Amino acid sequence: MRWEDRKYLRSNPHMDFEPTRCQKDKKLYRPKVCYWWGGCSCHDPITGIVLSYNKDSSERCIGQWGNTCKHVRDIELSEYESENISWLVPTQCTGPNDKYWSEKQRTECGCKCVNKYTGITTKTGDCQMRCPEFNRHGKLIKDDYSTRKPTCYGKDHCN
């Protein structure tokens, strides 16, 4: 996308827009982009879709440093500990790289599929379901999942 934007700007030098921004890994969009006129937007790092607009540039976006899987998990664990909540399952991170969320996470009600870059839930169901797969450009390539509802086993906090 950045390459396309820059190509367009070269052929239209009077256009006033900033090319798409990427992370160090050029396959991923930046989770947060701030503008010269003020405010910022939060993006899904896989698809580049704008998730929200923030007027306050100090507010963190999902997937940005300070709002990664590790940070979310640390906050949840401290809240569970302080409120003595034992039945909740905390956020699960991917292997040794705890910056990313696990793509399938167990809950009290079964499992959920999660975008590993943003932590946004994409599907919920039983743990036999298959989670959506994305290609390197963030486009959905496979979405095989069970349509069965998760079982709650009498827990009133499950949906």
N, C-alpha and C. Protein backbone atom coordinates (compact mmCIF):
# COMPACT_ATOMS: atom_id res chain seq x y z
N MET A 1 0.83 -1.19 0.00
CA MET A 1 0.00 0.00 0.00
C MET A 1 0.88 1.26 0.00
N ARG A 2 1.95 1.23 0.81
CA ARG A 2 2.86 2.38 0.85
C ARG A 2 3.49 2.60 -0.52
N TRP A 3 3.91 1.50 -1.16
CA TRP A 3 4.52 1.61 -2.48
C TRP A 3 3.54 2.24 -3.47
N GLU A 4 2.27 1.81 -3.42
CA GLU A 4 1.24 2.37 -4.30
C GLU A 4 1.03 3.87 -4.02
N ASP A 5 0.96 4.23 -2.74
CA ASP A 5 0.76 5.64 -2.36
C ASP A 5 1.91 6.51 -2.86
N ARG A 6 3.14 6.03 -2.68
CA ARG A 6 4.31 6.82 -3.11
C ARG A 6 4.36 6.94 -4.62
N LYS A 7 3.98 5.88 -5.33
CA LYS A 7 3.92 5.92 -6.80
C LYS A 7 2.90 6.97 -7.25
N TYR A 8 1.75 6.98 -6.59
CA TYR A 8 0.70 7.95 -6.92
C TYR A 8 1.18 9.38 -6.66
N LEU A 9 1.88 9.60 -5.54
CA LEU A 9 2.38 10.93 -5.22
C LEU A 9 3.43 11.41 -6.22
N ARG A 10 4.24 10.49 -6.72
CA ARG A 10 5.25 10.88 -7.72
C ARG A 10 4.58 11.37 -9.00
N SER A 11 3.49 10.75 -9.38
CA SER A 11 2.80 11.16 -10.61
C SER A 11 1.84 12.33 -10.37
N ASN A 12 1.52 12.63 -9.11
CA ASN A 12 0.63 13.75 -8.76
C ASN A 12 1.27 14.56 -7.61
N PRO A 13 2.35 15.29 -7.90
CA PRO A 13 3.12 15.93 -6.83
C PRO A 13 2.36 17.01 -6.05
N HIS A 14 1.23 17.48 -6.56
CA HIS A 14 0.48 18.53 -5.87
C HIS A 14 -0.56 17.99 -4.91
N MET A 15 -0.70 16.68 -4.87
CA MET A 15 -1.63 16.07 -3.93
C MET A 15 -1.07 16.18 -2.52
N ASP A 16 -1.95 16.46 -1.56
CA ASP A 16 -1.51 16.65 -0.18
C ASP A 16 -2.06 15.53 0.71
N PHE A 17 -1.38 14.41 0.72
CA PHE A 17 -1.71 13.36 1.66
C PHE A 17 -0.43 12.59 1.97
N GLU A 18 -0.43 11.96 3.13
CA GLU A 18 0.76 11.23 3.56
C GLU A 18 0.62 9.77 3.17
N PRO A 19 1.69 9.16 2.63
CA PRO A 19 1.61 7.74 2.28
C PRO A 19 1.37 6.86 3.50
N THR A 20 0.83 5.70 3.26
CA THR A 20 0.59 4.72 4.32
C THR A 20 1.87 4.47 5.09
N ARG A 21 1.74 4.31 6.41
CA ARG A 21 2.91 4.05 7.25
C ARG A 21 2.95 2.59 7.64
N CYS A 22 4.17 2.05 7.71
CA CYS A 22 4.37 0.64 8.05
C CYS A 22 5.21 0.52 9.31
N GLN A 23 5.19 -0.67 9.89
CA GLN A 23 6.10 -0.98 10.99
C GLN A 23 7.45 -1.36 10.39
N LYS A 24 8.40 -1.73 11.25
CA LYS A 24 9.69 -2.21 10.73
C LYS A 24 9.48 -3.41 9.82
N ASP A 25 8.54 -4.28 10.21
CA ASP A 25 8.13 -5.38 9.34
C ASP A 25 7.19 -4.77 8.31
N LYS A 26 7.65 -4.57 7.10
CA LYS A 26 6.89 -3.84 6.08
C LYS A 26 5.59 -4.51 5.67
N LYS A 27 5.35 -5.75 6.15
CA LYS A 27 4.08 -6.42 5.84
C LYS A 27 2.98 -5.94 6.77
N LEU A 28 3.34 -5.23 7.84
CA LEU A 28 2.36 -4.80 8.84
C LEU A 28 2.19 -3.29 8.83
N TYR A 29 0.94 -2.85 8.95
CA TYR A 29 0.67 -1.42 9.08
C TYR A 29 1.03 -0.96 10.48
N ARG A 30 1.31 0.32 10.63
CA ARG A 30 1.53 0.87 11.96
C ARG A 30 0.23 0.88 12.72
N PRO A 31 0.24 0.48 14.01
CA PRO A 31 -1.01 0.47 14.77
C PRO A 31 -1.52 1.88 15.08
N LYS A 32 -0.63 2.88 15.07
CA LYS A 32 -1.05 4.25 15.37
C LYS A 32 -0.39 5.22 14.40
N VAL A 33 -1.20 6.11 13.82
CA VAL A 33 -0.69 7.14 12.93
C VAL A 33 -1.23 8.48 13.42
N CYS A 34 -0.33 9.45 13.64
CA CYS A 34 -0.74 10.79 14.07
C CYS A 34 -0.57 11.77 12.91
N TYR A 35 -1.41 12.79 12.89
CA TYR A 35 -1.46 13.71 11.77
C TYR A 35 -1.00 15.09 12.19
N TRP A 36 -0.51 15.85 11.23
CA TRP A 36 0.03 17.18 11.53
C TRP A 36 -1.05 18.13 12.04
N TRP A 37 -2.30 17.92 11.67
CA TRP A 37 -3.38 18.81 12.10
C TRP A 37 -3.92 18.43 13.48
N GLY A 38 -3.38 17.35 14.06
CA GLY A 38 -3.80 16.93 15.39
C GLY A 38 -4.63 15.66 15.34
N GLY A 39 -4.55 14.91 16.39
CA GLY A 39 -5.30 13.66 16.47
C GLY A 39 -4.54 12.51 15.83
N CYS A 40 -5.00 11.32 16.14
CA CYS A 40 -4.36 10.10 15.65
C CYS A 40 -5.44 9.08 15.28
N SER A 41 -5.04 8.08 14.50
CA SER A 41 -5.95 6.99 14.21
C SER A 41 -5.27 5.68 14.57
N CYS A 42 -6.08 4.72 15.04
CA CYS A 42 -5.59 3.39 15.38
C CYS A 42 -5.97 2.46 14.24
N HIS A 43 -5.02 1.63 13.80
CA HIS A 43 -5.22 0.75 12.66
C HIS A 43 -5.02 -0.70 13.05
N ASP A 44 -5.74 -1.60 12.39
CA ASP A 44 -5.48 -3.02 12.51
C ASP A 44 -4.16 -3.25 11.77
N PRO A 45 -3.13 -3.77 12.45
CA PRO A 45 -1.84 -3.93 11.80
C PRO A 45 -1.83 -4.89 10.62
N ILE A 46 -2.80 -5.80 10.54
CA ILE A 46 -2.84 -6.74 9.42
C ILE A 46 -3.51 -6.12 8.20
N THR A 47 -4.68 -5.52 8.41
CA THR A 47 -5.47 -5.03 7.27
C THR A 47 -5.30 -3.55 7.00
N GLY A 48 -4.84 -2.79 8.00
CA GLY A 48 -4.73 -1.34 7.85
C GLY A 48 -6.04 -0.62 8.08
N ILE A 49 -7.12 -1.34 8.36
CA ILE A 49 -8.43 -0.73 8.59
C ILE A 49 -8.36 0.15 9.84
N VAL A 50 -8.96 1.34 9.75
CA VAL A 50 -8.99 2.25 10.89
C VAL A 50 -9.96 1.69 11.93
N LEU A 51 -9.46 1.46 13.15
CA LEU A 51 -10.28 0.94 14.23
C LEU A 51 -10.92 2.07 15.02
N SER A 52 -10.21 3.18 15.17
CA SER A 52 -10.76 4.33 15.91
C SER A 52 -9.93 5.57 15.64
N TYR A 53 -10.52 6.72 15.95
CA TYR A 53 -9.82 8.00 15.88
C TYR A 53 -9.71 8.55 17.29
N ASN A 54 -8.55 9.07 17.64
CA ASN A 54 -8.34 9.65 18.96
C ASN A 54 -7.93 11.11 18.81
N LYS A 55 -8.57 11.97 19.58
CA LYS A 55 -8.15 13.37 19.59
C LYS A 55 -6.90 13.54 20.44
N ASP A 56 -6.77 12.69 21.45
CA ASP A 56 -5.63 12.75 22.36
C ASP A 56 -4.51 11.88 21.81
N SER A 57 -3.40 12.50 21.42
CA SER A 57 -2.30 11.75 20.82
C SER A 57 -1.56 10.86 21.82
N SER A 58 -1.81 11.05 23.13
CA SER A 58 -1.13 10.22 24.13
C SER A 58 -1.86 8.89 24.35
N GLU A 59 -3.08 8.76 23.84
CA GLU A 59 -3.84 7.52 24.00
C GLU A 59 -3.23 6.41 23.15
N ARG A 60 -3.06 5.22 23.73
CA ARG A 60 -2.42 4.11 23.02
C ARG A 60 -3.44 3.32 22.21
N CYS A 61 -2.95 2.76 21.11
CA CYS A 61 -3.77 1.89 20.27
C CYS A 61 -3.46 0.44 20.62
N ILE A 62 -4.41 -0.45 20.32
CA ILE A 62 -4.19 -1.88 20.52
C ILE A 62 -3.02 -2.31 19.64
N GLY A 63 -2.11 -3.10 20.19
CA GLY A 63 -0.96 -3.57 19.43
C GLY A 63 0.24 -2.66 19.54
N GLN A 64 0.05 -1.46 20.07
CA GLN A 64 1.14 -0.51 20.23
C GLN A 64 1.85 -0.78 21.55
N TRP A 65 3.11 -0.37 21.67
CA TRP A 65 3.84 -0.57 22.91
C TRP A 65 3.02 0.00 24.06
N GLY A 66 2.90 -0.75 25.13
CA GLY A 66 2.07 -0.34 26.26
C GLY A 66 0.67 -0.91 26.16
N ASN A 67 0.34 -1.46 25.01
CA ASN A 67 -0.97 -2.09 24.83
C ASN A 67 -0.80 -3.38 24.05
N THR A 68 0.26 -4.11 24.38
CA THR A 68 0.54 -5.40 23.75
C THR A 68 -0.05 -6.50 24.61
N CYS A 69 0.07 -7.72 24.16
CA CYS A 69 -0.47 -8.85 24.91
C CYS A 69 0.11 -8.90 26.32
N LYS A 70 1.41 -8.72 26.44
CA LYS A 70 2.06 -8.78 27.75
C LYS A 70 1.50 -7.72 28.69
N HIS A 71 1.34 -6.51 28.20
CA HIS A 71 0.82 -5.43 29.05
C HIS A 71 -0.62 -5.71 29.48
N VAL A 72 -1.45 -6.16 28.53
CA VAL A 72 -2.84 -6.48 28.84
C VAL A 72 -2.90 -7.60 29.87
N ARG A 73 -2.08 -8.65 29.68
CA ARG A 73 -2.06 -9.78 30.60
C ARG A 73 -1.60 -9.35 32.00
N ASP A 74 -0.56 -8.53 32.08
CA ASP A 74 -0.06 -8.05 33.37
C ASP A 74 -1.14 -7.27 34.13
N ILE A 75 -1.86 -6.42 33.39
CA ILE A 75 -2.93 -5.62 34.02
C ILE A 75 -4.04 -6.54 34.53
N GLU A 76 -4.46 -7.50 33.67
CA GLU A 76 -5.51 -8.44 34.08
C GLU A 76 -5.09 -9.24 35.31
N LEU A 77 -3.86 -9.75 35.32
CA LEU A 77 -3.41 -10.55 36.45
C LEU A 77 -3.39 -9.74 37.74
N SER A 78 -2.96 -8.47 37.65
CA SER A 78 -2.95 -7.65 38.87
C SER A 78 -4.37 -7.34 39.33
N GLU A 79 -5.31 -7.13 38.38
CA GLU A 79 -6.71 -6.88 38.75
C GLU A 79 -7.34 -8.14 39.35
N TYR A 80 -7.06 -9.31 38.76
CA TYR A 80 -7.62 -10.56 39.29
C TYR A 80 -7.12 -10.80 40.70
N GLU A 81 -5.83 -10.51 40.90
CA GLU A 81 -5.23 -10.72 42.21
C GLU A 81 -5.82 -9.77 43.26
N SER A 82 -5.94 -8.48 42.88
CA SER A 82 -6.43 -7.49 43.84
C SER A 82 -7.91 -7.69 44.16
N GLU A 83 -8.69 -8.19 43.20
CA GLU A 83 -10.12 -8.40 43.43
C GLU A 83 -10.42 -9.86 43.79
N ASN A 84 -9.38 -10.67 43.88
CA ASN A 84 -9.50 -12.08 44.26
C ASN A 84 -10.47 -12.83 43.35
N ILE A 85 -10.29 -12.65 42.03
CA ILE A 85 -11.13 -13.34 41.04
C ILE A 85 -10.35 -14.56 40.58
N SER A 86 -10.86 -15.74 40.84
CA SER A 86 -10.13 -16.96 40.49
C SER A 86 -10.69 -17.66 39.26
N TRP A 87 -11.92 -17.36 38.85
CA TRP A 87 -12.55 -18.11 37.77
C TRP A 87 -12.24 -17.56 36.37
N LEU A 88 -11.72 -16.35 36.27
CA LEU A 88 -11.44 -15.78 34.95
C LEU A 88 -10.16 -16.37 34.35
N VAL A 89 -10.13 -16.53 33.04
CA VAL A 89 -8.94 -17.00 32.34
C VAL A 89 -8.25 -15.78 31.75
N PRO A 90 -7.02 -15.47 32.16
CA PRO A 90 -6.37 -14.26 31.64
C PRO A 90 -5.98 -14.40 30.17
N THR A 91 -5.74 -13.27 29.54
CA THR A 91 -5.29 -13.22 28.16
C THR A 91 -4.07 -14.11 27.98
N GLN A 92 -4.00 -14.82 26.85
CA GLN A 92 -2.88 -15.71 26.58
C GLN A 92 -2.04 -15.16 25.43
N CYS A 93 -0.73 -15.15 25.63
CA CYS A 93 0.19 -14.61 24.64
C CYS A 93 0.86 -15.74 23.85
N THR A 94 1.42 -15.40 22.70
CA THR A 94 2.04 -16.39 21.82
C THR A 94 3.46 -16.69 22.25
N GLY A 95 3.70 -17.93 22.60
CA GLY A 95 5.04 -18.46 22.86
C GLY A 95 6.01 -17.49 23.51
N PRO A 96 7.23 -17.46 23.00
CA PRO A 96 8.23 -16.59 23.60
C PRO A 96 8.02 -15.11 23.26
N ASN A 97 7.23 -14.82 22.22
CA ASN A 97 7.00 -13.43 21.83
C ASN A 97 5.69 -12.96 22.45
N ASP A 98 5.76 -12.46 23.68
CA ASP A 98 4.53 -12.09 24.37
C ASP A 98 3.99 -10.73 23.95
N LYS A 99 4.51 -10.22 22.84
CA LYS A 99 3.94 -9.02 22.24
C LYS A 99 2.63 -9.37 21.54
N TYR A 100 2.52 -10.62 21.02
CA TYR A 100 1.37 -11.04 20.24
C TYR A 100 0.43 -11.93 21.05
N TRP A 101 -0.86 -11.81 20.76
CA TRP A 101 -1.87 -12.65 21.40
C TRP A 101 -1.85 -14.04 20.79
N SER A 102 -2.26 -15.05 21.57
CA SER A 102 -2.45 -16.39 21.00
C SER A 102 -3.65 -16.35 20.07
N GLU A 103 -3.55 -17.06 18.94
CA GLU A 103 -4.62 -17.00 17.95
C GLU A 103 -5.88 -17.72 18.40
N LYS A 104 -5.74 -18.71 19.27
CA LYS A 104 -6.90 -19.38 19.86
C LYS A 104 -6.70 -19.37 21.36
N GLN A 105 -7.69 -18.84 22.08
CA GLN A 105 -7.56 -18.73 23.53
C GLN A 105 -8.71 -19.45 24.22
N ARG A 106 -8.37 -20.18 25.28
CA ARG A 106 -9.39 -20.87 26.07
C ARG A 106 -10.07 -19.88 27.01
N THR A 107 -11.38 -20.08 27.18
CA THR A 107 -12.15 -19.27 28.12
C THR A 107 -12.99 -20.23 28.97
N GLU A 108 -13.76 -19.68 29.89
CA GLU A 108 -14.66 -20.52 30.69
C GLU A 108 -15.72 -21.17 29.81
N CYS A 109 -16.00 -20.59 28.65
CA CYS A 109 -17.09 -21.05 27.80
C CYS A 109 -16.63 -21.84 26.59
N GLY A 110 -15.38 -22.11 26.44
CA GLY A 110 -14.87 -22.80 25.25
C GLY A 110 -13.61 -22.12 24.77
N CYS A 111 -13.64 -21.64 23.53
CA CYS A 111 -12.46 -20.96 22.97
C CYS A 111 -12.90 -19.76 22.14
N LYS A 112 -11.95 -18.88 21.90
CA LYS A 112 -12.19 -17.76 21.00
C LYS A 112 -10.98 -17.61 20.09
N CYS A 113 -11.23 -17.14 18.87
CA CYS A 113 -10.18 -16.85 17.92
C CYS A 113 -9.86 -15.37 18.01
N VAL A 114 -8.59 -15.06 18.01
CA VAL A 114 -8.14 -13.68 18.27
C VAL A 114 -7.16 -13.26 17.19
N ASN A 115 -7.27 -12.02 16.73
CA ASN A 115 -6.26 -11.44 15.84
C ASN A 115 -4.99 -11.29 16.66
N LYS A 116 -3.91 -11.97 16.28
CA LYS A 116 -2.73 -12.02 17.13
C LYS A 116 -2.02 -10.67 17.25
N TYR A 117 -2.30 -9.74 16.36
CA TYR A 117 -1.65 -8.43 16.42
C TYR A 117 -2.42 -7.42 17.26
N THR A 118 -3.75 -7.52 17.25
CA THR A 118 -4.56 -6.51 17.94
C THR A 118 -5.26 -7.04 19.18
N GLY A 119 -5.44 -8.35 19.28
CA GLY A 119 -6.18 -8.91 20.41
C GLY A 119 -7.68 -8.86 20.21
N ILE A 120 -8.14 -8.45 19.05
CA ILE A 120 -9.58 -8.37 18.78
C ILE A 120 -10.11 -9.77 18.47
N THR A 121 -11.20 -10.16 19.15
CA THR A 121 -11.80 -11.47 18.95
C THR A 121 -12.48 -11.54 17.59
N THR A 122 -12.20 -12.60 16.81
CA THR A 122 -12.80 -12.77 15.49
C THR A 122 -13.89 -13.84 15.48
N LYS A 123 -13.78 -14.87 16.32
CA LYS A 123 -14.78 -15.94 16.39
C LYS A 123 -14.80 -16.48 17.81
N THR A 124 -15.96 -17.02 18.22
CA THR A 124 -16.05 -17.75 19.48
C THR A 124 -16.77 -19.06 19.23
N GLY A 125 -16.48 -20.06 20.03
CA GLY A 125 -17.13 -21.36 19.86
C GLY A 125 -16.44 -22.41 20.70
N ASP A 126 -16.67 -23.69 20.35
CA ASP A 126 -16.00 -24.73 21.10
C ASP A 126 -14.54 -24.82 20.65
N CYS A 127 -13.74 -25.53 21.40
CA CYS A 127 -12.30 -25.55 21.15
C CYS A 127 -11.91 -26.40 19.94
N GLN A 128 -12.88 -27.11 19.32
CA GLN A 128 -12.60 -27.88 18.11
C GLN A 128 -12.65 -27.01 16.86
N MET A 129 -13.20 -25.79 16.98
CA MET A 129 -13.34 -24.93 15.80
C MET A 129 -11.97 -24.54 15.25
N ARG A 130 -11.95 -24.26 13.96
CA ARG A 130 -10.73 -23.76 13.34
C ARG A 130 -10.84 -22.26 13.23
N CYS A 131 -9.76 -21.58 13.51
CA CYS A 131 -9.76 -20.12 13.48
C CYS A 131 -9.50 -19.61 12.06
N PRO A 132 -9.96 -18.40 11.77
CA PRO A 132 -9.71 -17.82 10.44
C PRO A 132 -8.21 -17.71 10.19
N GLU A 133 -7.83 -17.85 8.93
CA GLU A 133 -6.43 -17.66 8.54
C GLU A 133 -6.34 -16.46 7.62
N PHE A 134 -5.28 -15.68 7.78
CA PHE A 134 -5.06 -14.50 6.97
C PHE A 134 -3.81 -14.68 6.12
N ASN A 135 -3.80 -14.11 4.93
CA ASN A 135 -2.56 -14.13 4.15
C ASN A 135 -1.65 -13.00 4.64
N ARG A 136 -0.48 -12.88 4.06
CA ARG A 136 0.48 -11.91 4.58
C ARG A 136 0.05 -10.46 4.39
N HIS A 137 -0.98 -10.24 3.56
CA HIS A 137 -1.51 -8.89 3.38
C HIS A 137 -2.72 -8.62 4.26
N GLY A 138 -3.07 -9.60 5.11
CA GLY A 138 -4.18 -9.41 6.04
C GLY A 138 -5.53 -9.77 5.47
N LYS A 139 -5.58 -10.31 4.26
CA LYS A 139 -6.86 -10.71 3.68
C LYS A 139 -7.23 -12.10 4.20
N LEU A 140 -8.50 -12.28 4.51
CA LEU A 140 -9.00 -13.56 4.99
C LEU A 140 -8.89 -14.60 3.88
N ILE A 141 -8.19 -15.71 4.15
CA ILE A 141 -8.08 -16.75 3.12
C ILE A 141 -8.84 -18.01 3.50
N LYS A 142 -9.06 -18.23 4.78
CA LYS A 142 -9.77 -19.43 5.20
C LYS A 142 -10.53 -19.13 6.47
N ASP A 143 -11.79 -19.53 6.48
CA ASP A 143 -12.62 -19.26 7.64
C ASP A 143 -13.44 -20.49 7.97
N ASP A 144 -12.75 -21.60 8.26
CA ASP A 144 -13.43 -22.84 8.65
C ASP A 144 -13.64 -22.82 10.15
N TYR A 145 -14.85 -22.79 10.58
CA TYR A 145 -15.10 -22.86 12.01
C TYR A 145 -16.44 -23.53 12.27
N SER A 146 -16.54 -24.10 13.43
CA SER A 146 -17.77 -24.78 13.81
C SER A 146 -18.83 -23.74 14.16
N THR A 147 -20.07 -24.01 13.78
CA THR A 147 -21.15 -23.09 14.12
C THR A 147 -21.79 -23.45 15.45
N ARG A 148 -21.29 -24.52 16.10
CA ARG A 148 -21.86 -24.91 17.38
C ARG A 148 -21.59 -23.84 18.44
N LYS A 149 -22.55 -23.64 19.32
CA LYS A 149 -22.41 -22.67 20.39
C LYS A 149 -21.51 -23.24 21.49
N PRO A 150 -20.74 -22.36 22.18
CA PRO A 150 -19.94 -22.84 23.29
C PRO A 150 -20.83 -23.30 24.44
N THR A 151 -20.33 -24.22 25.22
CA THR A 151 -21.07 -24.72 26.38
C THR A 151 -20.62 -23.97 27.61
N CYS A 152 -21.56 -23.58 28.43
CA CYS A 152 -21.23 -22.77 29.59
C CYS A 152 -21.08 -23.56 30.88
N TYR A 153 -21.59 -24.74 30.93
CA TYR A 153 -21.51 -25.56 32.14
C TYR A 153 -22.07 -24.84 33.35
N GLY A 154 -23.15 -24.09 33.15
CA GLY A 154 -23.84 -23.44 34.25
C GLY A 154 -23.22 -22.12 34.71
N LYS A 155 -22.19 -21.65 34.08
CA LYS A 155 -21.58 -20.38 34.50
C LYS A 155 -22.45 -19.24 33.97
N ASP A 156 -22.84 -18.31 34.84
CA ASP A 156 -23.74 -17.24 34.38
C ASP A 156 -22.99 -16.10 33.72
N HIS A 157 -21.67 -16.12 33.75
CA HIS A 157 -20.90 -15.04 33.11
C HIS A 157 -20.52 -15.36 31.67
N CYS A 158 -20.94 -16.51 31.15
CA CYS A 158 -20.62 -16.90 29.78
C CYS A 158 -21.74 -16.47 28.85
N ASN A 159 -21.37 -16.21 27.59
CA ASN A 159 -22.37 -15.85 26.58
C ASN A 159 -22.51 -17.00 25.60
